[in-house]
Amino acid sequence: MSSIPTPSLTRVCCVLSSEDLDVSGLSLHQAKRLEMESQVRVLELEANLQKERERLATLRRQHYRLAGELEGWEQQDIINST
């Protein structure tokens, strides 16, 4: 019986970190696992991006309120601008 060489886990990790993704040596199982890990990473990044966007919006709202107070804008003008 001849065994089919499969990439080691180290090689698989290296494949993920290189810019040129070489999947030619991956088995079906390894390719699917890497695909799923990649999808999880994408979802985590998207969630973090959304949280950071919400944080930025909160900071901007506070900045506009403070700038309005310094400029003497009316409270109604500040409420309408948000």
PDB file of N, CA and C in Angstrom:
ATOM      1  N   MET A   1       0.828  -1.181   0.000  1.00  0.00           N
ATOM      2  CA  MET A   1       0.000   0.000   0.000  1.00  0.00           C
ATOM      3  C   MET A   1       0.874   1.246   0.000  1.00  0.00           C
ATOM      4  N   SER A   2       0.647   2.147  -0.920  1.00  0.00           N
ATOM      5  CA  SER A   2       1.404   3.395  -0.936  1.00  0.00           C
ATOM      6  C   SER A   2       0.570   4.488  -0.295  1.00  0.00           C
ATOM      7  N   SER A   3       1.213   5.248   0.503  1.00  0.00           N
ATOM      8  CA  SER A   3       0.482   6.336   1.159  1.00  0.00           C
ATOM      9  C   SER A   3       0.626   7.604   0.325  1.00  0.00           C
ATOM     10  N   ILE A   4      -0.414   8.381   0.310  1.00  0.00           N
ATOM     11  CA  ILE A   4      -0.421   9.651  -0.410  1.00  0.00           C
ATOM     12  C   ILE A   4       0.119  10.706   0.532  1.00  0.00           C
ATOM     13  N   PRO A   5       1.183  11.400   0.126  1.00  0.00           N
ATOM     14  CA  PRO A   5       1.725  12.419   1.032  1.00  0.00           C
ATOM     15  C   PRO A   5       0.730  13.550   1.221  1.00  0.00           C
ATOM     16  N   THR A   6       0.556  13.927   2.465  1.00  0.00           N
ATOM     17  CA  THR A   6      -0.329  15.056   2.775  1.00  0.00           C
ATOM     18  C   THR A   6       0.490  16.130   3.457  1.00  0.00           C
ATOM     19  N   PRO A   7       0.135  17.384   3.260  1.00  0.00           N
ATOM     20  CA  PRO A   7       0.903  18.454   3.879  1.00  0.00           C
ATOM     21  C   PRO A   7       0.767  18.418   5.391  1.00  0.00           C
ATOM     22  N   SER A   8       1.826  18.742   6.056  1.00  0.00           N
ATOM     23  CA  SER A   8       1.782  18.792   7.514  1.00  0.00           C
ATOM     24  C   SER A   8       0.991  20.014   7.954  1.00  0.00           C
ATOM     25  N   LEU A   9       0.613  20.024   9.209  1.00  0.00           N
ATOM     26  CA  LEU A   9      -0.132  21.155   9.748  1.00  0.00           C
ATOM     27  C   LEU A   9       0.691  22.430   9.637  1.00  0.00           C
ATOM     28  N   THR A  10       2.014  22.309   9.808  1.00  0.00           N
ATOM     29  CA  THR A  10       2.881  23.475   9.681  1.00  0.00           C
ATOM     30  C   THR A  10       2.796  24.053   8.279  1.00  0.00           C
ATOM     31  N   ARG A  11       2.816  23.185   7.291  1.00  0.00           N
ATOM     32  CA  ARG A  11       2.743  23.662   5.913  1.00  0.00           C
ATOM     33  C   ARG A  11       1.385  24.311   5.642  1.00  0.00           C
ATOM     34  N   VAL A  12       0.329  23.731   6.186  1.00  0.00           N
ATOM     35  CA  VAL A  12      -1.004  24.297   6.001  1.00  0.00           C
ATOM     36  C   VAL A  12      -1.057  25.693   6.610  1.00  0.00           C
ATOM     37  N   CYS A  13      -0.476  25.876   7.794  1.00  0.00           N
ATOM     38  CA  CYS A  13      -0.462  27.193   8.431  1.00  0.00           C
ATOM     39  C   CYS A  13       0.341  28.186   7.595  1.00  0.00           C
ATOM     40  N   CYS A  14       1.424  27.707   7.028  1.00  0.00           N
ATOM     41  CA  CYS A  14       2.238  28.576   6.182  1.00  0.00           C
ATOM     42  C   CYS A  14       1.486  28.967   4.925  1.00  0.00           C
ATOM     43  N   VAL A  15       0.685  28.055   4.397  1.00  0.00           N
ATOM     44  CA  VAL A  15      -0.107  28.361   3.212  1.00  0.00           C
ATOM     45  C   VAL A  15      -1.054  29.504   3.508  1.00  0.00           C
ATOM     46  N   LEU A  16      -1.622  29.505   4.707  1.00  0.00           N
ATOM     47  CA  LEU A  16      -2.562  30.559   5.071  1.00  0.00           C
ATOM     48  C   LEU A  16      -1.885  31.919   5.189  1.00  0.00           C
ATOM     49  N   SER A  17      -0.630  31.925   5.616  1.00  0.00           N
ATOM     50  CA  SER A  17       0.011  33.200   5.856  1.00  0.00           C
ATOM     51  C   SER A  17       0.684  33.786   4.622  1.00  0.00           C
ATOM     52  N   SER A  18       0.846  33.002   3.572  1.00  0.00           N
ATOM     53  CA  SER A  18       1.497  33.535   2.378  1.00  0.00           C
ATOM     54  C   SER A  18       0.489  34.260   1.498  1.00  0.00           C
ATOM     55  N   GLU A  19       1.005  35.172   0.683  1.00  0.00           N
ATOM     56  CA  GLU A  19       0.116  35.920  -0.204  1.00  0.00           C
ATOM     57  C   GLU A  19      -0.388  35.049  -1.341  1.00  0.00           C
ATOM     58  N   ASP A  20       0.472  34.169  -1.855  1.00  0.00           N
ATOM     59  CA  ASP A  20       0.079  33.264  -2.928  1.00  0.00           C
ATOM     60  C   ASP A  20      -0.424  31.980  -2.304  1.00  0.00           C
ATOM     61  N   LEU A  21      -1.728  31.799  -2.288  1.00  0.00           N
ATOM     62  CA  LEU A  21      -2.351  30.650  -1.647  1.00  0.00           C
ATOM     63  C   LEU A  21      -2.242  29.441  -2.559  1.00  0.00           C
ATOM     64  N   ASP A  22      -1.409  28.487  -2.173  1.00  0.00           N
ATOM     65  CA  ASP A  22      -1.221  27.257  -2.945  1.00  0.00           C
ATOM     66  C   ASP A  22      -2.010  26.145  -2.273  1.00  0.00           C
ATOM     67  N   VAL A  23      -3.111  25.771  -2.872  1.00  0.00           N
ATOM     68  CA  VAL A  23      -3.965  24.742  -2.293  1.00  0.00           C
ATOM     69  C   VAL A  23      -3.829  23.415  -3.030  1.00  0.00           C
ATOM     70  N   SER A  24      -2.876  23.318  -3.911  1.00  0.00           N
ATOM     71  CA  SER A  24      -2.739  22.110  -4.722  1.00  0.00           C
ATOM     72  C   SER A  24      -2.411  20.870  -3.897  1.00  0.00           C
ATOM     73  N   GLY A  25      -1.763  21.030  -2.749  1.00  0.00           N
ATOM     74  CA  GLY A  25      -1.387  19.877  -1.946  1.00  0.00           C
ATOM     75  C   GLY A  25      -2.363  19.534  -0.842  1.00  0.00           C
ATOM     76  N   LEU A  26      -3.481  20.221  -0.780  1.00  0.00           N
ATOM     77  CA  LEU A  26      -4.437  19.993   0.297  1.00  0.00           C
ATOM     78  C   LEU A  26      -5.405  18.876  -0.047  1.00  0.00           C
ATOM     79  N   SER A  27      -5.784  18.129   0.980  1.00  0.00           N
ATOM     80  CA  SER A  27      -6.831  17.127   0.792  1.00  0.00           C
ATOM     81  C   SER A  27      -8.189  17.827   0.829  1.00  0.00           C
ATOM     82  N   LEU A  28      -9.219  17.110   0.481  1.00  0.00           N
ATOM     83  CA  LEU A  28     -10.571  17.661   0.507  1.00  0.00           C
ATOM     84  C   LEU A  28     -10.916  18.142   1.914  1.00  0.00           C
ATOM     85  N   HIS A  29     -10.592  17.330   2.901  1.00  0.00           N
ATOM     86  CA  HIS A  29     -10.888  17.673   4.294  1.00  0.00           C
ATOM     87  C   HIS A  29     -10.119  18.922   4.724  1.00  0.00           C
ATOM     88  N   GLN A  30      -8.837  18.993   4.393  1.00  0.00           N
ATOM     89  CA  GLN A  30      -8.031  20.150   4.763  1.00  0.00           C
ATOM     90  C   GLN A  30      -8.526  21.417   4.081  1.00  0.00           C
ATOM     91  N   ALA A  31      -8.886  21.297   2.819  1.00  0.00           N
ATOM     92  CA  ALA A  31      -9.384  22.465   2.090  1.00  0.00           C
ATOM     93  C   ALA A  31     -10.687  22.964   2.708  1.00  0.00           C
ATOM     94  N   LYS A  32     -11.581  22.048   3.056  1.00  0.00           N
ATOM     95  CA  LYS A  32     -12.853  22.442   3.655  1.00  0.00           C
ATOM     96  C   LYS A  32     -12.632  23.077   5.018  1.00  0.00           C
ATOM     97  N   ARG A  33     -11.717  22.499   5.817  1.00  0.00           N
ATOM     98  CA  ARG A  33     -11.433  23.045   7.129  1.00  0.00           C
ATOM     99  C   ARG A  33     -10.865  24.464   7.009  1.00  0.00           C
ATOM    100  N   LEU A  34      -9.947  24.662   6.084  1.00  0.00           N
ATOM    101  CA  LEU A  34      -9.375  25.995   5.878  1.00  0.00           C
ATOM    102  C   LEU A  34     -10.427  26.980   5.388  1.00  0.00           C
ATOM    103  N   GLU A  35     -11.318  26.509   4.535  1.00  0.00           N
ATOM    104  CA  GLU A  35     -12.405  27.364   4.057  1.00  0.00           C
ATOM    105  C   GLU A  35     -13.284  27.810   5.216  1.00  0.00           C
ATOM    106  N   MET A  36     -13.624  26.875   6.085  1.00  0.00           N
ATOM    107  CA  MET A  36     -14.480  27.208   7.231  1.00  0.00           C
ATOM    108  C   MET A  36     -13.758  28.146   8.199  1.00  0.00           C
ATOM    109  N   GLU A  37     -12.469  27.904   8.450  1.00  0.00           N
ATOM    110  CA  GLU A  37     -11.704  28.785   9.326  1.00  0.00           C
ATOM    111  C   GLU A  37     -11.625  30.196   8.740  1.00  0.00           C
ATOM    112  N   SER A  38     -11.464  30.268   7.446  1.00  0.00           N
ATOM    113  CA  SER A  38     -11.406  31.562   6.782  1.00  0.00           C
ATOM    114  C   SER A  38     -12.741  32.293   6.906  1.00  0.00           C
ATOM    115  N   GLN A  39     -13.838  31.563   6.745  1.00  0.00           N
ATOM    116  CA  GLN A  39     -15.158  32.172   6.861  1.00  0.00           C
ATOM    117  C   GLN A  39     -15.395  32.687   8.275  1.00  0.00           C
ATOM    118  N   VAL A  40     -14.970  31.934   9.271  1.00  0.00           N
ATOM    119  CA  VAL A  40     -15.093  32.376  10.665  1.00  0.00           C
ATOM    120  C   VAL A  40     -14.295  33.657  10.875  1.00  0.00           C
ATOM    121  N   ARG A  41     -13.085  33.697  10.331  1.00  0.00           N
ATOM    122  CA  ARG A  41     -12.242  34.893  10.462  1.00  0.00           C
ATOM    123  C   ARG A  41     -12.900  36.103   9.807  1.00  0.00           C
ATOM    124  N   VAL A  42     -13.495  35.896   8.636  1.00  0.00           N
ATOM    125  CA  VAL A  42     -14.191  36.989   7.941  1.00  0.00           C
ATOM    126  C   VAL A  42     -15.340  37.507   8.797  1.00  0.00           C
ATOM    127  N   LEU A  43     -16.114  36.607   9.377  1.00  0.00           N
ATOM    128  CA  LEU A  43     -17.238  37.020  10.215  1.00  0.00           C
ATOM    129  C   LEU A  43     -16.760  37.782  11.453  1.00  0.00           C
ATOM    130  N   GLU A  44     -15.654  37.322  12.054  1.00  0.00           N
ATOM    131  CA  GLU A  44     -15.103  38.029  13.208  1.00  0.00           C
ATOM    132  C   GLU A  44     -14.645  39.433  12.815  1.00  0.00           C
ATOM    133  N   LEU A  45     -13.966  39.540  11.682  1.00  0.00           N
ATOM    134  CA  LEU A  45     -13.499  40.848  11.224  1.00  0.00           C
ATOM    135  C   LEU A  45     -14.668  41.781  10.918  1.00  0.00           C
ATOM    136  N   GLU A  46     -15.714  41.244  10.289  1.00  0.00           N
ATOM    137  CA  GLU A  46     -16.886  42.072   9.985  1.00  0.00           C
ATOM    138  C   GLU A  46     -17.558  42.557  11.261  1.00  0.00           C
ATOM    139  N   ALA A  47     -17.644  41.687  12.273  1.00  0.00           N
ATOM    140  CA  ALA A  47     -18.255  42.076  13.550  1.00  0.00           C
ATOM    141  C   ALA A  47     -17.421  43.163  14.226  1.00  0.00           C
ATOM    142  N   ASN A  48     -16.108  42.997  14.208  1.00  0.00           N
ATOM    143  CA  ASN A  48     -15.230  44.013  14.798  1.00  0.00           C
ATOM    144  C   ASN A  48     -15.319  45.329  14.039  1.00  0.00           C
ATOM    145  N   LEU A  49     -15.417  45.256  12.730  1.00  0.00           N
ATOM    146  CA  LEU A  49     -15.553  46.462  11.921  1.00  0.00           C
ATOM    147  C   LEU A  49     -16.854  47.195  12.259  1.00  0.00           C
ATOM    148  N   GLN A  50     -17.932  46.461  12.419  1.00  0.00           N
ATOM    149  CA  GLN A  50     -19.216  47.077  12.758  1.00  0.00           C
ATOM    150  C   GLN A  50     -19.149  47.752  14.122  1.00  0.00           C
ATOM    151  N   LYS A  51     -18.516  47.077  15.095  1.00  0.00           N
ATOM    152  CA  LYS A  51     -18.368  47.676  16.428  1.00  0.00           C
ATOM    153  C   LYS A  51     -17.546  48.958  16.356  1.00  0.00           C
ATOM    154  N   GLU A  52     -16.495  48.947  15.566  1.00  0.00           N
ATOM    155  CA  GLU A  52     -15.643  50.137  15.449  1.00  0.00           C
ATOM    156  C   GLU A  52     -16.380  51.268  14.741  1.00  0.00           C
ATOM    157  N   ARG A  53     -17.210  50.943  13.762  1.00  0.00           N
ATOM    158  CA  ARG A  53     -18.021  51.973  13.092  1.00  0.00           C
ATOM    159  C   ARG A  53     -19.000  52.613  14.064  1.00  0.00           C
ATOM    160  N   GLU A  54     -19.603  51.787  14.927  1.00  0.00           N
ATOM    161  CA  GLU A  54     -20.528  52.314  15.924  1.00  0.00           C
ATOM    162  C   GLU A  54     -19.789  53.212  16.919  1.00  0.00           C
ATOM    163  N   ARG A  55     -18.596  52.807  17.300  1.00  0.00           N
ATOM    164  CA  ARG A  55     -17.771  53.618  18.201  1.00  0.00           C
ATOM    165  C   ARG A  55     -17.422  54.954  17.559  1.00  0.00           C
ATOM    166  N   LEU A  56     -17.045  54.925  16.289  1.00  0.00           N
ATOM    167  CA  LEU A  56     -16.723  56.144  15.562  1.00  0.00           C
ATOM    168  C   LEU A  56     -17.937  57.069  15.483  1.00  0.00           C
ATOM    169  N   ALA A  57     -19.104  56.513  15.223  1.00  0.00           N
ATOM    170  CA  ALA A  57     -20.318  57.328  15.148  1.00  0.00           C
ATOM    171  C   ALA A  57     -20.609  57.987  16.489  1.00  0.00           C
ATOM    172  N   THR A  58     -20.415  57.242  17.580  1.00  0.00           N
ATOM    173  CA  THR A  58     -20.625  57.795  18.919  1.00  0.00           C
ATOM    174  C   THR A  58     -19.645  58.933  19.189  1.00  0.00           C
ATOM    175  N   LEU A  59     -18.383  58.733  18.831  1.00  0.00           N
ATOM    176  CA  LEU A  59     -17.380  59.779  19.021  1.00  0.00           C
ATOM    177  C   LEU A  59     -17.706  61.020  18.205  1.00  0.00           C
ATOM    178  N   ARG A  60     -18.156  60.824  16.975  1.00  0.00           N
ATOM    179  CA  ARG A  60     -18.503  61.971  16.126  1.00  0.00           C
ATOM    180  C   ARG A  60     -19.692  62.736  16.682  1.00  0.00           C
ATOM    181  N   ARG A  61     -20.704  61.990  17.165  1.00  0.00           N
ATOM    182  CA  ARG A  61     -21.870  62.663  17.757  1.00  0.00           C
ATOM    183  C   ARG A  61     -21.445  63.519  18.946  1.00  0.00           C
ATOM    184  N   GLN A  62     -20.582  62.953  19.790  1.00  0.00           N
ATOM    185  CA  GLN A  62     -20.103  63.712  20.956  1.00  0.00           C
ATOM    186  C   GLN A  62     -19.297  64.924  20.509  1.00  0.00           C
ATOM    187  N   HIS A  63     -18.471  64.761  19.506  1.00  0.00           N
ATOM    188  CA  HIS A  63     -17.676  65.875  18.992  1.00  0.00           C
ATOM    189  C   HIS A  63     -18.587  66.991  18.484  1.00  0.00           C
ATOM    190  N   TYR A  64     -19.611  66.625  17.727  1.00  0.00           N
ATOM    191  CA  TYR A  64     -20.537  67.637  17.194  1.00  0.00           C
ATOM    192  C   TYR A  64     -21.272  68.348  18.323  1.00  0.00           C
ATOM    193  N   ARG A  65     -21.660  67.602  19.363  1.00  0.00           N
ATOM    194  CA  ARG A  65     -22.345  68.235  20.497  1.00  0.00           C
ATOM    195  C   ARG A  65     -21.429  69.244  21.187  1.00  0.00           C
ATOM    196  N   LEU A  66     -20.181  68.821  21.427  1.00  0.00           N
ATOM    197  CA  LEU A  66     -19.234  69.721  22.090  1.00  0.00           C
ATOM    198  C   LEU A  66     -18.930  70.940  21.233  1.00  0.00           C
ATOM    199  N   ALA A  67     -18.768  70.736  19.940  1.00  0.00           N
ATOM    200  CA  ALA A  67     -18.504  71.862  19.044  1.00  0.00           C
ATOM    201  C   ALA A  67     -19.701  72.800  19.026  1.00  0.00           C
ATOM    202  N   GLY A  68     -20.893  72.252  19.066  1.00  0.00           N
ATOM    203  CA  GLY A  68     -22.096  73.073  19.086  1.00  0.00           C
ATOM    204  C   GLY A  68     -22.198  73.908  20.338  1.00  0.00           C
ATOM    205  N   GLU A  69     -21.836  73.335  21.465  1.00  0.00           N
ATOM    206  CA  GLU A  69     -21.862  74.082  22.717  1.00  0.00           C
ATOM    207  C   GLU A  69     -20.867  75.241  22.676  1.00  0.00           C
ATOM    208  N   LEU A  70     -19.692  74.978  22.121  1.00  0.00           N
ATOM    209  CA  LEU A  70     -18.679  76.034  22.021  1.00  0.00           C
ATOM    210  C   LEU A  70     -19.113  77.150  21.076  1.00  0.00           C
ATOM    211  N   GLU A  71     -19.816  76.783  20.028  1.00  0.00           N
ATOM    212  CA  GLU A  71     -20.252  77.760  19.034  1.00  0.00           C
ATOM    213  C   GLU A  71     -21.568  78.433  19.406  1.00  0.00           C
ATOM    214  N   GLY A  72     -22.205  77.947  20.463  1.00  0.00           N
ATOM    215  CA  GLY A  72     -23.447  78.562  20.913  1.00  0.00           C
ATOM    216  C   GLY A  72     -24.665  78.139  20.112  1.00  0.00           C
ATOM    217  N   TRP A  73     -24.586  76.964  19.486  1.00  0.00           N
ATOM    218  CA  TRP A  73     -25.750  76.478  18.753  1.00  0.00           C
ATOM    219  C   TRP A  73     -26.879  76.201  19.735  1.00  0.00           C
ATOM    220  N   GLU A  74     -28.076  76.358  19.278  1.00  0.00           N
ATOM    221  CA  GLU A  74     -29.238  76.054  20.097  1.00  0.00           C
ATOM    222  C   GLU A  74     -29.351  74.534  20.273  1.00  0.00           C
ATOM    223  N   GLN A  75     -29.920  74.100  21.385  1.00  0.00           N
ATOM    224  CA  GLN A  75     -30.082  72.677  21.663  1.00  0.00           C
ATOM    225  C   GLN A  75     -30.919  72.008  20.566  1.00  0.00           C
ATOM    226  N   GLN A  76     -31.934  72.695  20.079  1.00  0.00           N
ATOM    227  CA  GLN A  76     -32.779  72.126  19.021  1.00  0.00           C
ATOM    228  C   GLN A  76     -31.964  71.891  17.747  1.00  0.00           C
ATOM    229  N   ASP A  77     -31.048  72.778  17.418  1.00  0.00           N
ATOM    230  CA  ASP A  77     -30.190  72.603  16.253  1.00  0.00           C
ATOM    231  C   ASP A  77     -29.313  71.365  16.404  1.00  0.00           C
ATOM    232  N   ILE A  78     -28.802  71.136  17.617  1.00  0.00           N
ATOM    233  CA  ILE A  78     -27.961  69.979  17.886  1.00  0.00           C
ATOM    234  C   ILE A  78     -28.765  68.695  17.746  1.00  0.00           C
ATOM    235  N   ILE A  79     -29.972  68.673  18.280  1.00  0.00           N
ATOM    236  CA  ILE A  79     -30.835  67.486  18.194  1.00  0.00           C
ATOM    237  C   ILE A  79     -31.174  67.185  16.743  1.00  0.00           C
ATOM    238  N   ASN A  80     -31.494  68.226  15.971  1.00  0.00           N
ATOM    239  CA  ASN A  80     -31.856  68.019  14.561  1.00  0.00           C
ATOM    240  C   ASN A  80     -30.686  67.543  13.723  1.00  0.00           C
ATOM    241  N   SER A  81     -29.467  67.840  14.132  1.00  0.00           N
ATOM    242  CA  SER A  81     -28.305  67.446  13.339  1.00  0.00           C
ATOM    243  C   SER A  81     -27.906  65.986  13.555  1.00  0.00           C
ATOM    244  N   THR A  82     -28.425  65.320  14.578  1.00  0.00           N
ATOM    245  CA  THR A  82     -28.063  63.918  14.843  1.00  0.00           C
ATOM    246  C   THR A  82     -29.038  62.962  14.267  1.00  0.00           C
TER     247      THR A  82
END
